[in-house]
């Protein structure tokens, strides 16, 4: 399907809501070949690909909500992509001449396939194969579907590389996948979908380990003074409100679990990098948060991308180059950005758990999860829809952006000795002065 075809088939009330797609566990028989479609955004691998990639992005109504459609939107997207391409090519040139995202996504898929087959193939009699599927570039959803048909896949799992569900990421990918099926442009398979894994303990631990790695880059004498800023991508205001997008609640759930894992070891804040277009955005923005911290006298800041699972333009340029320069101008002497999760072994295990939890395999897979990092024994895998959710009321505050109180799915059973959860941005063990009034973030012009 062309971007114009996708636009014409788009229904904001039906296509991007997770309820329109099956989240039930999928029955797997011995001898089945299971395909895992690993959704991601994609990115231009060369400077010549920047303009067509940007056009595809601008044509997605789940990302850029415009009051026009059809050929008028096509013309506008073409024009804006042409006008902005030169600026974006300069940014991509500064990070190596293209986005590393697709390469890293392929590496993640390869690592996940190896992990699934090493652990579950022989005892269950099931073979697993993974297929990266980029929303805005190659390999496309069509490419993944064609390869699965050639590989005689029997059943599939739709697995987003977005731990926190959003209509602008997971929802958009599901909409395109569904659109291909409606247009008979791909085969059909028995399917299940992973809705989110925002509080998976191994994803949380992987984020925490990336933070520990980055802290080592600070001078020893200032490591205890470092303030954490968790930076998440944004979602359009309309999607969050009219479709009850849970994204902001899931982000705050992830941050709360990371800081709980770290025993609230330092002050922290949650901020958002806005995307594109004139819509209202989640606040505070990452840039405003860093500026405010500088104004308050903080001189050591570590930014942790919390929703980006690979290094790409948003992290390697916007955070590590652009915001680093701004931080230094405002007097922050020590500024670092954590590396993407990429193929961190714990993150690959988190993807594996999210996949296996949605499959009813020929044997009890929890018997196969012993060993490893030792944490698998603390929580059994269950279908995600059966997991309870973190209650935001326990944080002494509702989600600061939408006011709702339902957080991410809770993977681990509660521990009696565990300390009560605290408000994500106001850790009880810290006496950090609150940030000033949040200002509206500036529009993003790239992906």
Protein backbone atom coordinates (compact mmCIF):
# COMPACT_ATOMS: atom_id res chain seq x y z
CA UNK A 1 0.00 0.00 0.00
CA UNK A 2 1.20 3.50 -0.80
CA UNK A 3 1.07 6.21 1.91
CA UNK A 4 -1.93 7.67 0.03
CA UNK A 5 -3.72 4.30 0.09
CA UNK A 6 -3.08 4.01 3.83
CA UNK A 7 -4.41 7.52 4.38
CA UNK A 8 -7.62 6.78 2.49
CA UNK A 9 -8.23 3.63 4.52
CA UNK A 10 -7.44 5.27 7.83
CA UNK A 11 -10.20 5.40 10.46
CA UNK A 12 -9.03 7.12 13.67
CA UNK A 13 -11.90 5.64 15.67
CA UNK A 14 -11.17 2.04 14.74
CA UNK A 15 -7.78 1.48 13.22
CA UNK A 16 -5.40 2.53 15.98
CA UNK A 17 -7.26 1.24 19.04
CA UNK A 18 -5.79 -1.91 20.50
CA UNK A 19 -9.28 -3.32 21.09
CA UNK A 20 -9.58 -3.71 17.33
CA UNK A 21 -6.78 -6.28 17.37
CA UNK A 22 -6.57 -9.57 19.22
CA UNK A 23 -4.61 -9.53 22.46
CA UNK A 24 -5.69 -13.06 23.45
CA UNK A 25 -3.07 -15.81 23.87
CA UNK A 26 -2.51 -17.87 20.74
CA UNK A 27 -2.66 -21.66 20.82
CA UNK A 28 0.57 -23.18 19.45
CA UNK A 29 0.96 -26.83 18.46
CA UNK A 30 4.12 -28.91 18.29
CA UNK A 31 5.66 -28.48 14.85
CA UNK A 32 4.33 -24.94 14.35
CA UNK A 33 6.59 -22.27 12.89
CA UNK A 34 5.87 -18.99 14.68
CA UNK A 35 6.74 -15.65 13.11
CA UNK A 36 7.42 -12.62 15.30
CA UNK A 37 6.84 -9.33 13.48
CA UNK A 38 9.03 -6.77 15.22
CA UNK A 39 7.44 -3.37 14.55
CA UNK A 40 9.62 -0.26 14.49
CA UNK A 41 9.64 3.17 12.82
CA UNK A 42 12.57 2.71 10.48
CA UNK A 43 14.95 5.38 9.30
CA UNK A 44 16.94 6.48 6.24
CA UNK A 45 20.17 4.56 5.90
CA UNK A 46 21.63 7.17 3.53
CA UNK A 47 21.25 10.88 2.91
CA UNK A 48 19.39 10.18 -0.35
CA UNK A 49 16.66 8.36 1.59
CA UNK A 50 15.92 11.24 3.97
CA UNK A 51 13.31 12.99 1.81
CA UNK A 52 11.16 9.93 0.92
CA UNK A 53 11.37 8.72 4.53
CA UNK A 54 10.17 12.09 5.80
CA UNK A 55 7.32 12.05 3.27
CA UNK A 56 6.14 8.66 4.57
CA UNK A 57 6.22 9.99 8.12
CA UNK A 58 4.28 13.13 7.28
CA UNK A 59 1.60 11.10 5.54
CA UNK A 60 0.74 9.20 8.72
CA UNK A 61 -2.40 10.74 10.29
CA UNK A 62 -1.67 8.98 13.58
CA UNK A 63 1.48 11.09 13.90
CA UNK A 64 0.57 14.36 12.16
CA UNK A 65 -3.08 15.31 12.59
CA UNK A 66 -4.05 17.72 9.80
CA UNK A 67 -7.51 18.96 8.75
CA UNK A 68 -6.83 17.88 5.17
CA UNK A 69 -6.64 14.52 3.46
CA UNK A 70 -6.24 12.79 0.12
CA UNK A 71 -4.17 14.45 -2.57
CA UNK A 72 -4.00 17.79 -0.72
CA UNK A 73 -2.22 16.12 2.17
CA UNK A 74 -0.03 14.23 -0.31
CA UNK A 75 0.98 17.56 -1.87
CA UNK A 76 1.63 19.15 1.52
CA UNK A 77 3.72 16.17 2.69
CA UNK A 78 5.74 16.22 -0.52
CA UNK A 79 6.37 19.95 -0.19
CA UNK A 80 7.35 19.88 3.48
CA UNK A 81 9.58 16.84 2.96
CA UNK A 82 11.37 18.65 0.14
CA UNK A 83 11.80 21.82 2.19
CA UNK A 84 12.99 20.08 5.36
CA UNK A 85 15.15 17.39 3.78
CA UNK A 86 18.28 19.53 3.52
CA UNK A 87 18.22 20.41 7.22
CA UNK A 88 17.61 16.81 8.20
CA UNK A 89 20.36 15.56 5.90
CA UNK A 90 22.75 17.80 7.82
CA UNK A 91 21.64 16.23 11.09
CA UNK A 92 21.93 12.69 9.78
CA UNK A 93 25.37 13.54 8.42
CA UNK A 94 26.44 14.48 11.95
CA UNK A 95 25.52 11.02 13.25
CA UNK A 96 27.23 9.04 10.51
CA UNK A 97 25.33 9.75 7.29
CA UNK A 98 22.13 7.92 8.10
CA UNK A 99 20.02 6.40 10.84
CA UNK A 100 21.42 3.36 12.69
CA UNK A 101 17.87 2.32 13.62
CA UNK A 102 17.23 -0.25 10.87
CA UNK A 103 20.59 -1.94 11.39
CA UNK A 104 20.01 -2.10 15.13
CA UNK A 105 16.45 -3.37 14.63
CA UNK A 106 17.81 -6.20 12.49
CA UNK A 107 20.33 -7.02 15.20
CA UNK A 108 17.56 -7.05 17.81
CA UNK A 109 15.48 -9.39 15.65
CA UNK A 110 18.42 -11.74 15.16
CA UNK A 111 19.20 -11.77 18.89
CA UNK A 112 15.55 -12.38 19.78
CA UNK A 113 15.25 -15.25 17.31
CA UNK A 114 18.37 -16.85 18.71
CA UNK A 115 17.17 -16.48 22.30
CA UNK A 116 13.71 -17.91 21.59
CA UNK A 117 15.03 -20.92 19.70
CA UNK A 118 17.85 -21.61 22.16
CA UNK A 119 15.45 -21.69 25.09
CA UNK A 120 12.13 -22.93 23.70
CA UNK A 121 12.61 -24.62 20.33
CA UNK A 122 13.75 -28.12 21.30
CA UNK A 123 11.59 -28.67 24.41
CA UNK A 124 8.38 -27.38 22.76
CA UNK A 125 8.94 -28.54 19.19
CA UNK A 126 8.19 -25.02 17.95
CA UNK A 127 10.43 -22.95 15.65
CA UNK A 128 10.60 -19.18 15.98
CA UNK A 129 11.54 -16.70 13.27
CA UNK A 130 11.69 -12.92 13.57
CA UNK A 131 10.90 -10.29 10.94
CA UNK A 132 11.68 -6.57 11.35
CA UNK A 133 8.87 -4.43 9.92
CA UNK A 134 9.44 -0.68 9.57
CA UNK A 135 6.44 1.66 9.55
CA UNK A 136 8.06 4.34 7.37
CA UNK A 137 10.90 2.59 5.56
CA UNK A 138 12.45 -0.75 4.69
CA UNK A 139 12.06 -3.61 5.39
CA UNK A 140 8.38 -2.67 5.22
CA UNK A 141 5.35 -4.49 6.57
CA UNK A 142 4.83 -5.84 3.06
CA UNK A 143 8.41 -7.14 3.02
CA UNK A 144 7.91 -8.93 6.34
CA UNK A 145 4.60 -10.46 5.23
CA UNK A 146 6.07 -11.68 1.94
CA UNK A 147 9.04 -13.27 3.68
CA UNK A 148 6.79 -15.00 6.22
CA UNK A 149 4.67 -16.43 3.40
CA UNK A 150 7.83 -17.73 1.72
CA UNK A 151 8.99 -19.25 5.01
CA UNK A 152 5.68 -21.11 5.53
CA UNK A 153 4.94 -19.42 8.84
CA UNK A 154 1.93 -20.92 10.63
CA UNK A 155 1.07 -18.32 13.29
CA UNK A 156 2.36 -14.87 14.20
CA UNK A 157 2.98 -12.50 17.09
CA UNK A 158 2.88 -8.76 16.44
CA UNK A 159 5.57 -7.38 18.75
CA UNK A 160 6.14 -3.61 18.88
CA UNK A 161 9.58 -2.20 19.63
CA UNK A 162 7.64 0.37 21.66
CA UNK A 163 7.36 -0.75 25.32
CA UNK A 164 4.64 1.85 25.99
CA UNK A 165 1.55 1.62 23.79
CA UNK A 166 0.69 4.77 21.83
CA UNK A 167 -1.65 5.34 18.93
CA UNK A 168 1.21 7.16 17.17
CA UNK A 169 3.58 4.16 17.32
CA UNK A 170 2.09 0.74 18.09
CA UNK A 171 -1.36 1.89 17.00
CA UNK A 172 -0.10 3.24 13.70
CA UNK A 173 1.81 0.01 13.01
CA UNK A 174 -1.25 -2.09 13.79
CA UNK A 175 -3.36 0.13 11.53
CA UNK A 176 -1.03 -0.40 8.59
CA UNK A 177 -0.84 -4.14 9.21
CA UNK A 178 -4.63 -4.35 9.36
CA UNK A 179 -4.92 -2.22 6.24
CA UNK A 180 -2.74 -4.62 4.29
CA UNK A 181 -5.03 -7.45 5.29
CA UNK A 182 -8.17 -5.54 4.36
CA UNK A 183 -6.68 -4.81 0.93
CA UNK A 184 -5.65 -8.46 0.42
CA UNK A 185 -2.02 -7.38 0.10
CA UNK A 186 -0.71 -9.92 2.57
CA UNK A 187 -1.54 -13.43 3.69
CA UNK A 188 -3.52 -13.97 6.89
CA UNK A 189 -2.37 -15.98 9.88
CA UNK A 190 -3.73 -16.76 13.36
CA UNK A 191 -2.38 -13.75 15.22
CA UNK A 192 -1.82 -12.34 18.67
CA UNK A 193 -0.42 -8.93 19.60
CA UNK A 194 1.74 -7.68 22.46
CA UNK A 195 0.02 -4.50 23.71
CA UNK A 196 2.77 -3.17 25.99
CA UNK A 197 5.55 -4.27 28.33
CA UNK A 198 6.27 -0.95 29.99
CA UNK A 199 6.91 -2.45 33.44
CA UNK A 200 8.53 -5.74 32.47
CA UNK A 201 11.19 -6.31 35.17
CA UNK A 202 13.95 -7.13 32.68
CA UNK A 203 13.20 -4.09 30.52
CA UNK A 204 13.29 -2.00 33.71
CA UNK A 205 16.58 -3.56 34.81
CA UNK A 206 18.12 -3.04 31.36
CA UNK A 207 17.25 0.68 31.53
CA UNK A 208 18.78 0.87 35.01
CA UNK A 209 21.99 -0.80 33.83
CA UNK A 210 22.30 1.70 30.97
CA UNK A 211 21.99 4.45 33.59
CA UNK A 212 24.77 2.86 35.67
CA UNK A 213 26.99 2.63 32.59
CA UNK A 214 26.45 6.32 31.78
CA UNK A 215 27.07 7.42 35.37
CA UNK A 216 30.60 6.05 35.05
CA UNK A 217 31.30 8.75 32.44
CA UNK A 218 30.86 11.48 35.05
CA UNK A 219 33.84 12.51 37.21
CA UNK A 220 33.88 10.45 40.38
CA UNK A 221 33.44 13.52 42.55
CA UNK A 222 30.11 14.55 41.00
CA UNK A 223 28.41 11.18 40.41
CA UNK A 224 26.27 11.54 43.54
CA UNK A 225 25.07 14.97 42.33
CA UNK A 226 23.78 13.79 38.95
CA UNK A 227 20.08 14.48 38.27
CA UNK A 228 18.25 12.02 36.02
CA UNK A 229 15.96 13.21 33.24
CA UNK A 230 13.90 10.47 31.63
CA UNK A 231 13.06 11.57 28.09
CA UNK A 232 10.15 10.02 26.19
CA UNK A 233 8.80 10.67 22.71
CA UNK A 234 5.50 12.54 22.60
CA UNK A 235 2.03 11.81 21.26
CA UNK A 236 -0.50 14.24 19.74
CA UNK A 237 -2.94 15.84 22.17
CA UNK A 238 -6.00 14.73 20.18
CA UNK A 239 -4.98 11.08 20.24
CA UNK A 240 -4.43 11.15 24.00
CA UNK A 241 -7.78 12.73 24.76
CA UNK A 242 -10.26 11.55 22.14
CA UNK A 243 -8.95 7.98 21.99
CA UNK A 244 -7.83 7.72 25.60
CA UNK A 245 -4.28 6.90 24.62
CA UNK A 246 -2.61 5.45 27.75
CA UNK A 247 0.89 6.44 26.65
CA UNK A 248 1.66 9.07 29.29
CA UNK A 249 0.50 6.77 32.12
CA UNK A 250 2.68 3.96 30.78
CA UNK A 251 5.71 6.24 30.59
CA UNK A 252 5.28 7.33 34.20
CA UNK A 253 4.82 3.68 35.19
CA UNK A 254 8.13 2.76 33.56
CA UNK A 255 9.98 5.61 35.25
CA UNK A 256 8.47 4.73 38.64
CA UNK A 257 9.57 1.11 38.30
CA UNK A 258 13.10 2.06 37.22
CA UNK A 259 13.50 4.34 40.22
CA UNK A 260 11.98 1.75 42.53
CA UNK A 261 14.52 -0.75 41.17
CA UNK A 262 17.24 1.81 41.92
CA UNK A 263 15.93 2.42 45.48
CA UNK A 264 15.22 6.09 44.65
CA UNK A 265 18.96 6.79 44.52
CA UNK A 266 18.80 10.33 43.12
CA UNK A 267 16.48 13.18 42.01
CA UNK A 268 14.73 12.53 38.72
CA UNK A 269 12.24 14.05 36.30
CA UNK A 270 10.16 12.81 33.39
CA UNK A 271 10.05 14.92 30.22
CA UNK A 272 8.95 14.61 26.61
CA UNK A 273 10.45 15.27 23.19
CA UNK A 274 7.65 16.60 20.99
CA UNK A 275 7.12 15.16 17.53
CA UNK A 276 5.74 17.19 14.62
CA UNK A 277 2.87 19.50 13.80
CA UNK A 278 0.84 22.16 15.62
CA UNK A 279 -0.87 19.90 18.19
CA UNK A 280 -0.50 20.38 21.92
CA UNK A 281 2.14 18.16 23.47
CA UNK A 282 2.91 16.49 26.76
CA UNK A 283 4.79 18.64 29.22
CA UNK A 284 7.32 19.44 30.42
CA UNK A 285 9.54 19.24 27.37
CA UNK A 286 12.99 17.73 27.73
CA UNK A 287 14.61 20.98 26.65
CA UNK A 288 12.65 23.06 29.16
CA UNK A 289 13.41 20.59 31.95
CA UNK A 290 17.15 20.76 31.30
CA UNK A 291 17.04 24.58 31.16
CA UNK A 292 15.13 24.74 34.44
CA UNK A 293 17.57 22.40 36.14
CA UNK A 294 20.43 24.64 35.00
CA UNK A 295 18.61 27.71 36.34
CA UNK A 296 18.25 25.92 39.68
CA UNK A 297 22.01 25.44 39.85
CA UNK A 298 22.32 21.79 38.87
CA UNK A 299 25.55 21.18 36.98
CA UNK A 300 25.39 17.43 36.33
CA UNK A 301 22.53 15.93 34.29
CA UNK A 302 22.05 12.48 32.80
CA UNK A 303 19.33 12.04 30.17
CA UNK A 304 17.88 8.53 29.82
CA UNK A 305 15.74 7.91 26.71
CA UNK A 306 12.98 5.78 28.20
CA UNK A 307 10.78 4.96 25.19
CA UNK A 308 13.47 4.68 22.50
CA UNK A 309 14.94 1.18 22.39
CA UNK A 310 17.55 1.85 19.68
CA UNK A 311 19.96 4.67 19.02
CA UNK A 312 18.61 6.94 16.29
CA UNK A 313 18.20 10.61 15.34
CA UNK A 314 16.09 11.48 18.39
CA UNK A 315 18.83 10.31 20.73
CA UNK A 316 22.10 10.57 18.81
CA UNK A 317 21.44 14.07 17.44
CA UNK A 318 18.61 15.75 19.36
CA UNK A 319 19.74 14.67 22.81
CA UNK A 320 23.45 13.99 22.49
CA UNK A 321 24.34 16.91 20.21
CA UNK A 322 21.62 19.57 20.21
CA UNK A 323 20.52 19.38 23.85
CA UNK A 324 24.07 18.84 25.03
CA UNK A 325 25.05 22.14 23.42
CA UNK A 326 22.07 23.88 25.01
CA UNK A 327 22.88 22.43 28.42
CA UNK A 328 26.46 23.65 28.22
CA UNK A 329 25.30 27.12 27.22
CA UNK A 330 23.13 27.24 30.35
CA UNK A 331 26.00 26.29 32.63
CA UNK A 332 25.63 22.51 32.99
CA UNK A 333 29.22 21.30 33.18
CA UNK A 334 28.56 17.57 33.00
CA UNK A 335 25.94 16.26 30.57
CA UNK A 336 25.55 12.69 29.35
CA UNK A 337 22.97 10.57 27.50
CA UNK A 338 22.52 6.85 28.09
CA UNK A 339 23.05 4.45 25.20
CA UNK A 340 20.02 2.82 23.61
CA UNK A 341 19.02 -0.62 24.82
CA UNK A 342 19.80 -2.03 21.37
CA UNK A 343 20.74 -5.69 21.96
CA UNK A 344 21.18 -5.49 25.73
CA UNK A 345 20.69 -9.13 26.83
CA UNK A 346 18.05 -8.21 29.41
CA UNK A 347 16.06 -6.25 26.86
CA UNK A 348 16.15 -9.21 24.47
CA UNK A 349 14.87 -11.36 27.35
CA UNK A 350 12.10 -8.83 27.95
CA UNK A 351 11.04 -9.08 24.29
CA UNK A 352 11.14 -12.86 24.62
CA UNK A 353 8.95 -12.80 27.71
CA UNK A 354 6.46 -10.47 26.06
CA UNK A 355 6.26 -12.89 23.14
CA UNK A 356 6.03 -16.14 25.10
CA UNK A 357 3.43 -14.70 27.48
CA UNK A 358 1.05 -14.40 24.52
CA UNK A 359 1.53 -18.00 23.38
CA UNK A 360 -0.16 -21.13 24.71
CA UNK A 361 2.74 -23.52 24.05
CA UNK A 362 2.71 -27.35 24.25
CA UNK A 363 4.38 -27.30 27.68
CA UNK A 364 4.65 -25.04 30.72
CA UNK A 365 7.32 -22.58 29.63
CA UNK A 366 7.94 -21.39 33.19
CA UNK A 367 9.84 -24.64 33.74
CA UNK A 368 12.29 -23.50 31.05
CA UNK A 369 13.00 -20.08 32.54
CA UNK A 370 15.22 -21.17 35.42
CA UNK A 371 18.75 -19.86 35.42
CA UNK A 372 19.79 -16.78 33.51
CA UNK A 373 19.90 -13.72 35.73
CA UNK A 374 17.93 -15.49 38.46
CA UNK A 375 14.96 -13.13 38.34
CA UNK A 376 12.76 -15.30 36.14
CA UNK A 377 11.72 -17.39 39.12
CA UNK A 378 10.13 -14.41 40.85
CA UNK A 379 7.24 -14.06 38.41
CA UNK A 380 5.51 -16.59 36.16
CA UNK A 381 4.65 -15.69 32.58
CA UNK A 382 0.93 -15.20 32.05
CA UNK A 383 -1.10 -13.79 29.16
CA UNK A 384 -0.73 -10.02 29.31
CA UNK A 385 -4.46 -9.37 29.52
CA UNK A 386 -4.50 -11.38 32.77
CA UNK A 387 -1.86 -9.21 34.45
CA UNK A 388 -3.10 -6.62 36.96
CA UNK A 389 -2.12 -3.00 36.42
CA UNK A 390 -0.07 -0.70 38.56
CA UNK A 391 -2.38 1.64 40.41
CA UNK A 392 -1.25 5.23 39.95
CA UNK A 393 -3.13 6.18 43.13
CA UNK A 394 -0.38 4.47 45.06
CA UNK A 395 2.00 7.11 43.73
CA UNK A 396 0.18 9.76 45.78
CA UNK A 397 -0.76 11.44 42.52
CA UNK A 398 -2.58 10.75 39.31
CA UNK A 399 -0.76 10.83 35.99
CA UNK A 400 0.35 14.48 35.79
CA UNK A 401 -0.67 14.76 32.14
CA UNK A 402 -4.02 13.01 31.79
CA UNK A 403 -5.21 12.57 35.37
CA UNK A 404 -5.91 8.85 34.97
CA UNK A 405 -4.86 6.34 37.59
CA UNK A 406 -4.32 3.13 35.57
CA UNK A 407 -0.69 2.31 34.90
CA UNK A 408 1.24 -0.42 33.11
CA UNK A 409 0.67 -4.13 33.52
CA UNK A 410 2.29 -5.56 36.64
CA UNK A 411 4.47 -8.55 35.75
CA UNK A 412 5.86 -9.52 39.14
CA UNK A 413 3.83 -10.61 42.12
CA UNK A 414 3.84 -8.02 44.94
CA UNK A 415 6.50 -8.44 47.57
CA UNK A 416 5.45 -7.90 51.16
CA UNK A 417 8.75 -6.31 52.04
CA UNK A 418 8.73 -3.94 49.09
CA UNK A 419 8.58 -0.25 49.87
CA UNK A 420 5.46 1.55 48.65
CA UNK A 421 5.75 3.15 45.27
CA UNK A 422 6.20 6.90 45.17
CA UNK A 423 5.38 9.68 42.79
CA UNK A 424 7.61 9.38 39.71
CA UNK A 425 8.83 12.98 39.72
CA UNK A 426 8.83 13.53 43.48
CA UNK A 427 10.87 10.71 45.06
CA UNK A 428 10.21 10.58 48.78
CA UNK A 429 13.89 10.01 49.52
CA UNK A 430 14.92 13.18 47.70
CA UNK A 431 14.44 16.82 48.60
CA UNK A 432 14.72 18.17 45.09
CA UNK A 433 13.02 21.50 44.51
CA UNK A 434 10.14 21.03 42.03
CA UNK A 435 10.53 22.39 38.56
CA UNK A 436 8.79 25.60 37.70
CA UNK A 437 5.63 25.80 35.58
CA UNK A 438 5.95 23.60 32.52
CA UNK A 439 6.07 25.45 29.24
CA UNK A 440 4.73 24.05 26.00
CA UNK A 441 7.33 22.15 24.01
CA UNK A 442 8.37 23.27 20.58
CA UNK A 443 7.22 21.29 17.52
CA UNK A 444 9.55 18.60 16.23
CA UNK A 445 10.48 18.58 12.57
CA UNK A 446 11.98 15.15 12.22
CA UNK A 447 11.32 11.59 13.31
